[in-house]
Amino acid sequence: SELMLANEKAWRSEAEIRAGLLKLWDAMQECVSNGLGHEGILPGGLNVRRRAAKLHRSLQELGKPNVIGSTMSAMEWVNLYALAVNEENAAGGRMVTAPTNGAA
């Protein structure tokens, strides 16, 4: 992270870099939230049903907190967030990604 910060400082100030990162984080959080908040069929004619909202409710009902308590619980939440983002993207919402998103 220090190397990347130093590299980015060649183009902009540290304050601008950090503000930009927060803007990206907010966009990613919004995409997850939108994906968790919508149900129904995804557009496109294939009749693919959204699953993230239902899975979110299931995890909450199981009492698995949205914090890293165990490896399994953490992975369930990570998978849920990835699913929510994928559904939001497929629905034509704001697209967000990270370098490993496609590989994951």
PDB file of N, CA and C in Angstrom:
ATOM      1  N   SER A   1       0.821  -1.196   0.000  1.00  0.00           N
ATOM      2  CA  SER A   1       0.000   0.000   0.000  1.00  0.00           C
ATOM      3  C   SER A   1       0.868   1.263   0.000  1.00  0.00           C
ATOM      4  N   GLU A   2       1.985   1.198   0.688  1.00  0.00           N
ATOM      5  CA  GLU A   2       2.878   2.367   0.714  1.00  0.00           C
ATOM      6  C   GLU A   2       3.438   2.657  -0.674  1.00  0.00           C
ATOM      7  N   LEU A   3       3.782   1.604  -1.394  1.00  0.00           N
ATOM      8  CA  LEU A   3       4.317   1.769  -2.743  1.00  0.00           C
ATOM      9  C   LEU A   3       3.261   2.380  -3.668  1.00  0.00           C
ATOM     10  N   MET A   4       2.039   1.887  -3.589  1.00  0.00           N
ATOM     11  CA  MET A   4       0.967   2.420  -4.429  1.00  0.00           C
ATOM     12  C   MET A   4       0.669   3.878  -4.084  1.00  0.00           C
ATOM     13  N   LEU A   5       0.677   4.200  -2.791  1.00  0.00           N
ATOM     14  CA  LEU A   5       0.439   5.583  -2.377  1.00  0.00           C
ATOM     15  C   LEU A   5       1.534   6.487  -2.933  1.00  0.00           C
ATOM     16  N   ALA A   6       2.776   6.048  -2.822  1.00  0.00           N
ATOM     17  CA  ALA A   6       3.890   6.845  -3.352  1.00  0.00           C
ATOM     18  C   ALA A   6       3.741   7.034  -4.863  1.00  0.00           C
ATOM     19  N   ASN A   7       3.329   5.999  -5.559  1.00  0.00           N
ATOM     20  CA  ASN A   7       3.136   6.088  -7.003  1.00  0.00           C
ATOM     21  C   ASN A   7       2.026   7.087  -7.347  1.00  0.00           C
ATOM     22  N   GLU A   8       0.915   7.002  -6.643  1.00  0.00           N
ATOM     23  CA  GLU A   8      -0.207   7.910  -6.897  1.00  0.00           C
ATOM     24  C   GLU A   8       0.144   9.361  -6.582  1.00  0.00           C
ATOM     25  N   LYS A   9       1.036   9.572  -5.629  1.00  0.00           N
ATOM     26  CA  LYS A   9       1.434  10.940  -5.260  1.00  0.00           C
ATOM     27  C   LYS A   9       2.157  11.654  -6.399  1.00  0.00           C
ATOM     28  N   ALA A  10       2.605  10.899  -7.393  1.00  0.00           N
ATOM     29  CA  ALA A  10       3.227  11.529  -8.562  1.00  0.00           C
ATOM     30  C   ALA A  10       2.192  12.314  -9.360  1.00  0.00           C
ATOM     31  N   TRP A  11       0.904  11.980  -9.187  1.00  0.00           N
ATOM     32  CA  TRP A  11      -0.167  12.586  -9.968  1.00  0.00           C
ATOM     33  C   TRP A  11      -1.042  13.537  -9.171  1.00  0.00           C
ATOM     34  N   ARG A  12      -1.191  13.283  -7.866  1.00  0.00           N
ATOM     35  CA  ARG A  12      -2.119  14.095  -7.061  1.00  0.00           C
ATOM     36  C   ARG A  12      -1.675  14.080  -5.601  1.00  0.00           C
ATOM     37  N   SER A  13      -2.262  14.942  -4.806  1.00  0.00           N
ATOM     38  CA  SER A  13      -1.903  15.024  -3.393  1.00  0.00           C
ATOM     39  C   SER A  13      -2.490  13.836  -2.632  1.00  0.00           C
ATOM     40  N   GLU A  14      -1.938  13.588  -1.453  1.00  0.00           N
ATOM     41  CA  GLU A  14      -2.447  12.496  -0.631  1.00  0.00           C
ATOM     42  C   GLU A  14      -3.907  12.730  -0.241  1.00  0.00           C
ATOM     43  N   ALA A  15      -4.264  13.976   0.011  1.00  0.00           N
ATOM     44  CA  ALA A  15      -5.655  14.296   0.357  1.00  0.00           C
ATOM     45  C   ALA A  15      -6.589  13.950  -0.803  1.00  0.00           C
ATOM     46  N   GLU A  16      -6.159  14.265  -2.036  1.00  0.00           N
ATOM     47  CA  GLU A  16      -6.981  13.926  -3.208  1.00  0.00           C
ATOM     48  C   GLU A  16      -7.091  12.414  -3.391  1.00  0.00           C
ATOM     49  N   ILE A  17      -6.005  11.714  -3.138  1.00  0.00           N
ATOM     50  CA  ILE A  17      -6.010  10.251  -3.256  1.00  0.00           C
ATOM     51  C   ILE A  17      -6.990   9.648  -2.258  1.00  0.00           C
ATOM     52  N   ARG A  18      -6.888  10.076  -1.015  1.00  0.00           N
ATOM     53  CA  ARG A  18      -7.761   9.525   0.032  1.00  0.00           C
ATOM     54  C   ARG A  18      -9.231   9.884  -0.216  1.00  0.00           C
ATOM     55  N   ALA A  19      -9.484  11.080  -0.705  1.00  0.00           N
ATOM     56  CA  ALA A  19     -10.865  11.475  -1.035  1.00  0.00           C
ATOM     57  C   ALA A  19     -11.401  10.610  -2.174  1.00  0.00           C
ATOM     58  N   GLY A  20     -10.562  10.332  -3.145  1.00  0.00           N
ATOM     59  CA  GLY A  20     -10.961   9.471  -4.261  1.00  0.00           C
ATOM     60  C   GLY A  20     -11.254   8.050  -3.809  1.00  0.00           C
ATOM     61  N   LEU A  21     -10.428   7.539  -2.902  1.00  0.00           N
ATOM     62  CA  LEU A  21     -10.667   6.195  -2.370  1.00  0.00           C
ATOM     63  C   LEU A  21     -11.983   6.127  -1.604  1.00  0.00           C
ATOM     64  N   LEU A  22     -12.278   7.155  -0.836  1.00  0.00           N
ATOM     65  CA  LEU A  22     -13.549   7.183  -0.107  1.00  0.00           C
ATOM     66  C   LEU A  22     -14.739   7.244  -1.061  1.00  0.00           C
ATOM     67  N   LYS A  23     -14.578   7.957  -2.160  1.00  0.00           N
ATOM     68  CA  LYS A  23     -15.647   8.024  -3.162  1.00  0.00           C
ATOM     69  C   LYS A  23     -15.889   6.641  -3.778  1.00  0.00           C
ATOM     70  N   LEU A  24     -14.808   5.930  -4.082  1.00  0.00           N
ATOM     71  CA  LEU A  24     -14.933   4.569  -4.607  1.00  0.00           C
ATOM     72  C   LEU A  24     -15.583   3.641  -3.580  1.00  0.00           C
ATOM     73  N   TRP A  25     -15.161   3.744  -2.323  1.00  0.00           N
ATOM     74  CA  TRP A  25     -15.724   2.920  -1.249  1.00  0.00           C
ATOM     75  C   TRP A  25     -17.227   3.174  -1.120  1.00  0.00           C
ATOM     76  N   ASP A  26     -17.624   4.434  -1.169  1.00  0.00           N
ATOM     77  CA  ASP A  26     -19.053   4.760  -1.079  1.00  0.00           C
ATOM     78  C   ASP A  26     -19.833   4.138  -2.241  1.00  0.00           C
ATOM     79  N   ALA A  27     -19.277   4.192  -3.443  1.00  0.00           N
ATOM     80  CA  ALA A  27     -19.945   3.606  -4.606  1.00  0.00           C
ATOM     81  C   ALA A  27     -20.081   2.097  -4.445  1.00  0.00           C
ATOM     82  N   MET A  28     -19.050   1.455  -3.935  1.00  0.00           N
ATOM     83  CA  MET A  28     -19.098   0.012  -3.720  1.00  0.00           C
ATOM     84  C   MET A  28     -20.134  -0.345  -2.651  1.00  0.00           C
ATOM     85  N   GLN A  29     -20.149   0.407  -1.570  1.00  0.00           N
ATOM     86  CA  GLN A  29     -21.124   0.159  -0.504  1.00  0.00           C
ATOM     87  C   GLN A  29     -22.553   0.343  -1.014  1.00  0.00           C
ATOM     88  N   GLU A  30     -22.764   1.365  -1.844  1.00  0.00           N
ATOM     89  CA  GLU A  30     -24.084   1.616  -2.414  1.00  0.00           C
ATOM     90  C   GLU A  30     -24.516   0.457  -3.311  1.00  0.00           C
ATOM     91  N   CYS A  31     -23.582  -0.075  -4.081  1.00  0.00           N
ATOM     92  CA  CYS A  31     -23.891  -1.192  -4.970  1.00  0.00           C
ATOM     93  C   CYS A  31     -24.292  -2.425  -4.158  1.00  0.00           C
ATOM     94  N   VAL A  32     -23.578  -2.723  -3.093  1.00  0.00           N
ATOM     95  CA  VAL A  32     -23.929  -3.852  -2.228  1.00  0.00           C
ATOM     96  C   VAL A  32     -25.307  -3.630  -1.628  1.00  0.00           C
ATOM     97  N   SER A  33     -25.534  -2.447  -1.099  1.00  0.00           N
ATOM     98  CA  SER A  33     -26.818  -2.125  -0.476  1.00  0.00           C
ATOM     99  C   SER A  33     -27.975  -2.270  -1.466  1.00  0.00           C
ATOM    100  N   ASN A  34     -27.792  -1.773  -2.679  1.00  0.00           N
ATOM    101  CA  ASN A  34     -28.832  -1.899  -3.702  1.00  0.00           C
ATOM    102  C   ASN A  34     -29.085  -3.365  -4.046  1.00  0.00           C
ATOM    103  N   GLY A  35     -28.017  -4.137  -4.154  1.00  0.00           N
ATOM    104  CA  GLY A  35     -28.165  -5.552  -4.469  1.00  0.00           C
ATOM    105  C   GLY A  35     -28.898  -6.316  -3.382  1.00  0.00           C
ATOM    106  N   LEU A  36     -28.659  -5.937  -2.123  1.00  0.00           N
ATOM    107  CA  LEU A  36     -29.328  -6.600  -1.001  1.00  0.00           C
ATOM    108  C   LEU A  36     -30.779  -6.164  -0.875  1.00  0.00           C
ATOM    109  N   GLY A  37     -31.116  -5.024  -1.424  1.00  0.00           N
ATOM    110  CA  GLY A  37     -32.440  -4.459  -1.225  1.00  0.00           C
ATOM    111  C   GLY A  37     -33.456  -4.747  -2.307  1.00  0.00           C
ATOM    112  N   HIS A  38     -33.057  -5.449  -3.348  1.00  0.00           N
ATOM    113  CA  HIS A  38     -33.983  -5.704  -4.453  1.00  0.00           C
ATOM    114  C   HIS A  38     -34.249  -7.197  -4.610  1.00  0.00           C
ATOM    115  N   GLU A  39     -35.462  -7.497  -4.969  1.00  0.00           N
ATOM    116  CA  GLU A  39     -35.857  -8.884  -5.227  1.00  0.00           C
ATOM    117  C   GLU A  39     -36.507  -8.961  -6.594  1.00  0.00           C
ATOM    118  N   GLY A  40     -36.856 -10.151  -7.004  1.00  0.00           N
ATOM    119  CA  GLY A  40     -37.546 -10.330  -8.267  1.00  0.00           C
ATOM    120  C   GLY A  40     -36.658 -10.955  -9.320  1.00  0.00           C
ATOM    121  N   ILE A  41     -36.991 -10.684 -10.551  1.00  0.00           N
ATOM    122  CA  ILE A  41     -36.305 -11.266 -11.712  1.00  0.00           C
ATOM    123  C   ILE A  41     -35.366 -10.216 -12.311  1.00  0.00           C
ATOM    124  N   LEU A  42     -34.159 -10.653 -12.649  1.00  0.00           N
ATOM    125  CA  LEU A  42     -33.219  -9.756 -13.311  1.00  0.00           C
ATOM    126  C   LEU A  42     -33.677  -9.500 -14.746  1.00  0.00           C
ATOM    127  N   PRO A  43     -33.415  -8.316 -15.261  1.00  0.00           N
ATOM    128  CA  PRO A  43     -33.795  -8.025 -16.643  1.00  0.00           C
ATOM    129  C   PRO A  43     -32.987  -8.881 -17.622  1.00  0.00           C
ATOM    130  N   GLY A  44     -33.490  -9.021 -18.811  1.00  0.00           N
ATOM    131  CA  GLY A  44     -32.740  -9.721 -19.838  1.00  0.00           C
ATOM    132  C   GLY A  44     -33.465 -10.879 -20.485  1.00  0.00           C
ATOM    133  N   GLY A  45     -34.595 -11.264 -19.934  1.00  0.00           N
ATOM    134  CA  GLY A  45     -35.383 -12.300 -20.578  1.00  0.00           C
ATOM    135  C   GLY A  45     -35.040 -13.728 -20.212  1.00  0.00           C
ATOM    136  N   LEU A  46     -34.016 -13.941 -19.390  1.00  0.00           N
ATOM    137  CA  LEU A  46     -33.656 -15.310 -19.002  1.00  0.00           C
ATOM    138  C   LEU A  46     -34.375 -15.762 -17.729  1.00  0.00           C
ATOM    139  N   ASN A  47     -35.139 -14.849 -17.133  1.00  0.00           N
ATOM    140  CA  ASN A  47     -35.896 -15.142 -15.906  1.00  0.00           C
ATOM    141  C   ASN A  47     -35.018 -15.615 -14.750  1.00  0.00           C
ATOM    142  N   VAL A  48     -33.870 -14.954 -14.599  1.00  0.00           N
ATOM    143  CA  VAL A  48     -32.963 -15.268 -13.495  1.00  0.00           C
ATOM    144  C   VAL A  48     -33.447 -14.516 -12.260  1.00  0.00           C
ATOM    145  N   ARG A  49     -33.742 -15.269 -11.219  1.00  0.00           N
ATOM    146  CA  ARG A  49     -34.249 -14.683  -9.979  1.00  0.00           C
ATOM    147  C   ARG A  49     -33.097 -14.154  -9.128  1.00  0.00           C
ATOM    148  N   ARG A  50     -33.304 -12.970  -8.580  1.00  0.00           N
ATOM    149  CA  ARG A  50     -32.334 -12.408  -7.630  1.00  0.00           C
ATOM    150  C   ARG A  50     -32.328 -13.279  -6.371  1.00  0.00           C
ATOM    151  N   ARG A  51     -31.139 -13.501  -5.794  1.00  0.00           N
ATOM    152  CA  ARG A  51     -31.025 -14.341  -4.608  1.00  0.00           C
ATOM    153  C   ARG A  51     -30.420 -13.626  -3.408  1.00  0.00           C
ATOM    154  N   ALA A  52     -29.776 -12.491  -3.624  1.00  0.00           N
ATOM    155  CA  ALA A  52     -29.020 -11.845  -2.549  1.00  0.00           C
ATOM    156  C   ALA A  52     -29.899 -11.420  -1.369  1.00  0.00           C
ATOM    157  N   ALA A  53     -31.048 -10.823  -1.640  1.00  0.00           N
ATOM    158  CA  ALA A  53     -31.901 -10.341  -0.541  1.00  0.00           C
ATOM    159  C   ALA A  53     -32.361 -11.493   0.342  1.00  0.00           C
ATOM    160  N   LYS A  54     -32.753 -12.596  -0.272  1.00  0.00           N
ATOM    161  CA  LYS A  54     -33.213 -13.760   0.499  1.00  0.00           C
ATOM    162  C   LYS A  54     -32.066 -14.363   1.312  1.00  0.00           C
ATOM    163  N   LEU A  55     -30.901 -14.474   0.697  1.00  0.00           N
ATOM    164  CA  LEU A  55     -29.739 -15.002   1.410  1.00  0.00           C
ATOM    165  C   LEU A  55     -29.369 -14.083   2.573  1.00  0.00           C
ATOM    166  N   HIS A  56     -29.480 -12.788   2.365  1.00  0.00           N
ATOM    167  CA  HIS A  56     -29.191 -11.817   3.417  1.00  0.00           C
ATOM    168  C   HIS A  56     -30.105 -12.047   4.619  1.00  0.00           C
ATOM    169  N   ARG A  57     -31.381 -12.207   4.359  1.00  0.00           N
ATOM    170  CA  ARG A  57     -32.335 -12.475   5.447  1.00  0.00           C
ATOM    171  C   ARG A  57     -32.000 -13.793   6.147  1.00  0.00           C
ATOM    172  N   SER A  58     -31.635 -14.796   5.375  1.00  0.00           N
ATOM    173  CA  SER A  58     -31.296 -16.103   5.955  1.00  0.00           C
ATOM    174  C   SER A  58     -30.096 -16.008   6.890  1.00  0.00           C
ATOM    175  N   LEU A  59     -29.070 -15.296   6.474  1.00  0.00           N
ATOM    176  CA  LEU A  59     -27.889 -15.143   7.328  1.00  0.00           C
ATOM    177  C   LEU A  59     -28.235 -14.387   8.603  1.00  0.00           C
ATOM    178  N   GLN A  60     -29.085 -13.381   8.473  1.00  0.00           N
ATOM    179  CA  GLN A  60     -29.493 -12.627   9.655  1.00  0.00           C
ATOM    180  C   GLN A  60     -30.312 -13.501  10.595  1.00  0.00           C
ATOM    181  N   GLU A  61     -31.198 -14.319  10.053  1.00  0.00           N
ATOM    182  CA  GLU A  61     -32.032 -15.197  10.873  1.00  0.00           C
ATOM    183  C   GLU A  61     -31.205 -16.260  11.576  1.00  0.00           C
ATOM    184  N   LEU A  62     -30.138 -16.710  10.942  1.00  0.00           N
ATOM    185  CA  LEU A  62     -29.272 -17.710  11.563  1.00  0.00           C
ATOM    186  C   LEU A  62     -28.448 -17.111  12.699  1.00  0.00           C
ATOM    187  N   GLY A  63     -28.522 -15.792  12.833  1.00  0.00           N
ATOM    188  CA  GLY A  63     -27.780 -15.130  13.896  1.00  0.00           C
ATOM    189  C   GLY A  63     -26.312 -14.987  13.602  1.00  0.00           C
ATOM    190  N   LYS A  64     -25.972 -15.039  12.335  1.00  0.00           N
ATOM    191  CA  LYS A  64     -24.567 -14.872  11.971  1.00  0.00           C
ATOM    192  C   LYS A  64     -24.311 -13.389  11.781  1.00  0.00           C
ATOM    193  N   PRO A  65     -23.584 -12.791  12.701  1.00  0.00           N
ATOM    194  CA  PRO A  65     -23.390 -11.340  12.638  1.00  0.00           C
ATOM    195  C   PRO A  65     -22.572 -10.921  11.424  1.00  0.00           C
ATOM    196  N   ASN A  66     -22.768  -9.677  11.053  1.00  0.00           N
ATOM    197  CA  ASN A  66     -22.060  -9.092   9.928  1.00  0.00           C
ATOM    198  C   ASN A  66     -20.679  -8.620  10.376  1.00  0.00           C
ATOM    199  N   VAL A  67     -19.982  -9.499  11.036  1.00  0.00           N
ATOM    200  CA  VAL A  67     -18.616  -9.231  11.466  1.00  0.00           C
ATOM    201  C   VAL A  67     -17.833 -10.521  11.302  1.00  0.00           C
ATOM    202  N   ILE A  68     -16.544 -10.395  11.299  1.00  0.00           N
ATOM    203  CA  ILE A  68     -15.721 -11.592  11.149  1.00  0.00           C
ATOM    204  C   ILE A  68     -15.635 -12.278  12.507  1.00  0.00           C
ATOM    205  N   GLY A  69     -16.414 -13.334  12.668  1.00  0.00           N
ATOM    206  CA  GLY A  69     -16.409 -14.115  13.902  1.00  0.00           C
ATOM    207  C   GLY A  69     -15.723 -15.440  13.676  1.00  0.00           C
ATOM    208  N   SER A  70     -16.037 -16.069  12.570  1.00  0.00           N
ATOM    209  CA  SER A  70     -15.395 -17.313  12.194  1.00  0.00           C
ATOM    210  C   SER A  70     -15.113 -17.248  10.708  1.00  0.00           C
ATOM    211  N   THR A  71     -14.237 -18.103  10.256  1.00  0.00           N
ATOM    212  CA  THR A  71     -13.883 -18.098   8.842  1.00  0.00           C
ATOM    213  C   THR A  71     -15.101 -18.383   7.982  1.00  0.00           C
ATOM    214  N   MET A  72     -15.923 -19.342   8.366  1.00  0.00           N
ATOM    215  CA  MET A  72     -17.094 -19.684   7.572  1.00  0.00           C
ATOM    216  C   MET A  72     -18.073 -18.519   7.525  1.00  0.00           C
ATOM    217  N   SER A  73     -18.348 -17.935   8.660  1.00  0.00           N
ATOM    218  CA  SER A  73     -19.271 -16.803   8.694  1.00  0.00           C
ATOM    219  C   SER A  73     -18.755 -15.662   7.826  1.00  0.00           C
ATOM    220  N   ALA A  74     -17.481 -15.383   7.909  1.00  0.00           N
ATOM    221  CA  ALA A  74     -16.897 -14.303   7.111  1.00  0.00           C
ATOM    222  C   ALA A  74     -17.036 -14.599   5.629  1.00  0.00           C
ATOM    223  N   MET A  75     -16.777 -15.839   5.221  1.00  0.00           N
ATOM    224  CA  MET A  75     -16.873 -16.193   3.807  1.00  0.00           C
ATOM    225  C   MET A  75     -18.316 -16.145   3.314  1.00  0.00           C
ATOM    226  N   GLU A  76     -19.267 -16.493   4.164  1.00  0.00           N
ATOM    227  CA  GLU A  76     -20.671 -16.389   3.772  1.00  0.00           C
ATOM    228  C   GLU A  76     -21.042 -14.948   3.464  1.00  0.00           C
ATOM    229  N   TRP A  77     -20.560 -14.025   4.289  1.00  0.00           N
ATOM    230  CA  TRP A  77     -20.862 -12.604   4.064  1.00  0.00           C
ATOM    231  C   TRP A  77     -20.139 -12.080   2.830  1.00  0.00           C
ATOM    232  N   VAL A  78     -18.895 -12.492   2.634  1.00  0.00           N
ATOM    233  CA  VAL A  78     -18.144 -12.069   1.443  1.00  0.00           C
ATOM    234  C   VAL A  78     -18.865 -12.553   0.190  1.00  0.00           C
ATOM    235  N   ASN A  79     -19.284 -13.818   0.200  1.00  0.00           N
ATOM    236  CA  ASN A  79     -20.012 -14.362  -0.949  1.00  0.00           C
ATOM    237  C   ASN A  79     -21.326 -13.623  -1.165  1.00  0.00           C
ATOM    238  N   LEU A  80     -22.019 -13.306  -0.088  1.00  0.00           N
ATOM    239  CA  LEU A  80     -23.275 -12.566  -0.200  1.00  0.00           C
ATOM    240  C   LEU A  80     -23.048 -11.206  -0.853  1.00  0.00           C
ATOM    241  N   TYR A  81     -22.033 -10.480  -0.395  1.00  0.00           N
ATOM    242  CA  TYR A  81     -21.761  -9.156  -0.960  1.00  0.00           C
ATOM    243  C   TYR A  81     -21.395  -9.257  -2.440  1.00  0.00           C
ATOM    244  N   ALA A  82     -20.606 -10.273  -2.799  1.00  0.00           N
ATOM    245  CA  ALA A  82     -20.256 -10.463  -4.213  1.00  0.00           C
ATOM    246  C   ALA A  82     -21.502 -10.755  -5.041  1.00  0.00           C
ATOM    247  N   LEU A  83     -22.399 -11.585  -4.520  1.00  0.00           N
ATOM    248  CA  LEU A  83     -23.639 -11.895  -5.215  1.00  0.00           C
ATOM    249  C   LEU A  83     -24.502 -10.645  -5.376  1.00  0.00           C
ATOM    250  N   ALA A  84     -24.591  -9.843  -4.315  1.00  0.00           N
ATOM    251  CA  ALA A  84     -25.382  -8.607  -4.376  1.00  0.00           C
ATOM    252  C   ALA A  84     -24.842  -7.668  -5.446  1.00  0.00           C
ATOM    253  N   VAL A  85     -23.527  -7.526  -5.513  1.00  0.00           N
ATOM    254  CA  VAL A  85     -22.911  -6.661  -6.527  1.00  0.00           C
ATOM    255  C   VAL A  85     -23.159  -7.222  -7.927  1.00  0.00           C
ATOM    256  N   ASN A  86     -23.009  -8.527  -8.077  1.00  0.00           N
ATOM    257  CA  ASN A  86     -23.244  -9.135  -9.395  1.00  0.00           C
ATOM    258  C   ASN A  86     -24.677  -8.916  -9.851  1.00  0.00           C
ATOM    259  N   GLU A  87     -25.632  -9.071  -8.937  1.00  0.00           N
ATOM    260  CA  GLU A  87     -27.028  -8.866  -9.294  1.00  0.00           C
ATOM    261  C   GLU A  87     -27.304  -7.406  -9.637  1.00  0.00           C
ATOM    262  N   GLU A  88     -26.730  -6.496  -8.888  1.00  0.00           N
ATOM    263  CA  GLU A  88     -26.921  -5.075  -9.176  1.00  0.00           C
ATOM    264  C   GLU A  88     -26.328  -4.723 -10.541  1.00  0.00           C
ATOM    265  N   ASN A  89     -25.165  -5.264 -10.829  1.00  0.00           N
ATOM    266  CA  ASN A  89     -24.548  -5.028 -12.137  1.00  0.00           C
ATOM    267  C   ASN A  89     -25.412  -5.613 -13.253  1.00  0.00           C
ATOM    268  N   ALA A  90     -25.904  -6.833 -13.061  1.00  0.00           N
ATOM    269  CA  ALA A  90     -26.729  -7.489 -14.075  1.00  0.00           C
ATOM    270  C   ALA A  90     -28.047  -6.753 -14.298  1.00  0.00           C
ATOM    271  N   ALA A  91     -28.508  -6.040 -13.266  1.00  0.00           N
ATOM    272  CA  ALA A  91     -29.758  -5.296 -13.378  1.00  0.00           C
ATOM    273  C   ALA A  91     -29.555  -3.933 -14.039  1.00  0.00           C
ATOM    274  N   GLY A  92     -28.328  -3.636 -14.419  1.00  0.00           N
ATOM    275  CA  GLY A  92     -28.052  -2.362 -15.077  1.00  0.00           C
ATOM    276  C   GLY A  92     -27.759  -1.242 -14.103  1.00  0.00           C
ATOM    277  N   GLY A  93     -27.511  -1.594 -12.840  1.00  0.00           N
ATOM    278  CA  GLY A  93     -27.162  -0.584 -11.840  1.00  0.00           C
ATOM    279  C   GLY A  93     -25.723  -0.153 -12.012  1.00  0.00           C
ATOM    280  N   ARG A  94     -25.271   0.646 -11.097  1.00  0.00           N
ATOM    281  CA  ARG A  94     -23.889   1.121 -11.145  1.00  0.00           C
ATOM    282  C   ARG A  94     -22.942  -0.067 -11.065  1.00  0.00           C
ATOM    283  N   MET A  95     -21.955  -0.071 -11.909  1.00  0.00           N
ATOM    284  CA  MET A  95     -20.996  -1.175 -11.914  1.00  0.00           C
ATOM    285  C   MET A  95     -19.775  -0.793 -11.102  1.00  0.00           C
ATOM    286  N   VAL A  96     -19.427  -1.663 -10.200  1.00  0.00           N
ATOM    287  CA  VAL A  96     -18.204  -1.493  -9.424  1.00  0.00           C
ATOM    288  C   VAL A  96     -17.439  -2.803  -9.484  1.00  0.00           C
ATOM    289  N   THR A  97     -16.141  -2.699  -9.375  1.00  0.00           N
ATOM    290  CA  THR A  97     -15.334  -3.914  -9.409  1.00  0.00           C
ATOM    291  C   THR A  97     -14.017  -3.645  -8.714  1.00  0.00           C
ATOM    292  N   ALA A  98     -13.304  -4.692  -8.474  1.00  0.00           N
ATOM    293  CA  ALA A  98     -11.954  -4.624  -7.924  1.00  0.00           C
ATOM    294  C   ALA A  98     -11.087  -5.516  -8.795  1.00  0.00           C
ATOM    295  N   PRO A  99      -9.770  -5.374  -8.726  1.00  0.00           N
ATOM    296  CA  PRO A  99      -8.918  -6.164  -9.622  1.00  0.00           C
ATOM    297  C   PRO A  99      -9.178  -7.666  -9.565  1.00  0.00           C
ATOM    298  N   THR A 100      -9.570  -8.207  -8.419  1.00  0.00           N
ATOM    299  CA  THR A 100      -9.761  -9.657  -8.310  1.00  0.00           C
ATOM    300  C   THR A 100     -11.203 -10.081  -8.558  1.00  0.00           C
ATOM    301  N   ASN A 101     -12.108  -9.152  -8.822  1.00  0.00           N
ATOM    302  CA  ASN A 101     -13.520  -9.514  -8.927  1.00  0.00           C
ATOM    303  C   ASN A 101     -13.774 -10.576  -9.973  1.00  0.00           C
ATOM    304  N   GLY A 102     -13.177 -10.455 -11.125  1.00  0.00           N
ATOM    305  CA  GLY A 102     -13.396 -11.450 -12.171  1.00  0.00           C
ATOM    306  C   GLY A 102     -12.806 -12.799 -11.823  1.00  0.00           C
ATOM    307  N   ALA A 103     -11.653 -12.807 -11.189  1.00  0.00           N
ATOM    308  CA  ALA A 103     -11.003 -14.053 -10.816  1.00  0.00           C
ATOM    309  C   ALA A 103     -11.713 -14.733  -9.653  1.00  0.00           C
ATOM    310  N   ALA A 104     -12.376 -13.924  -8.815  1.00  0.00           N
ATOM    311  CA  ALA A 104     -13.025 -14.518  -7.644  1.00  0.00           C
ATOM    312  C   ALA A 104     -14.252 -15.275  -8.061  1.00  0.00           C
TER     313      ALA A 104
END
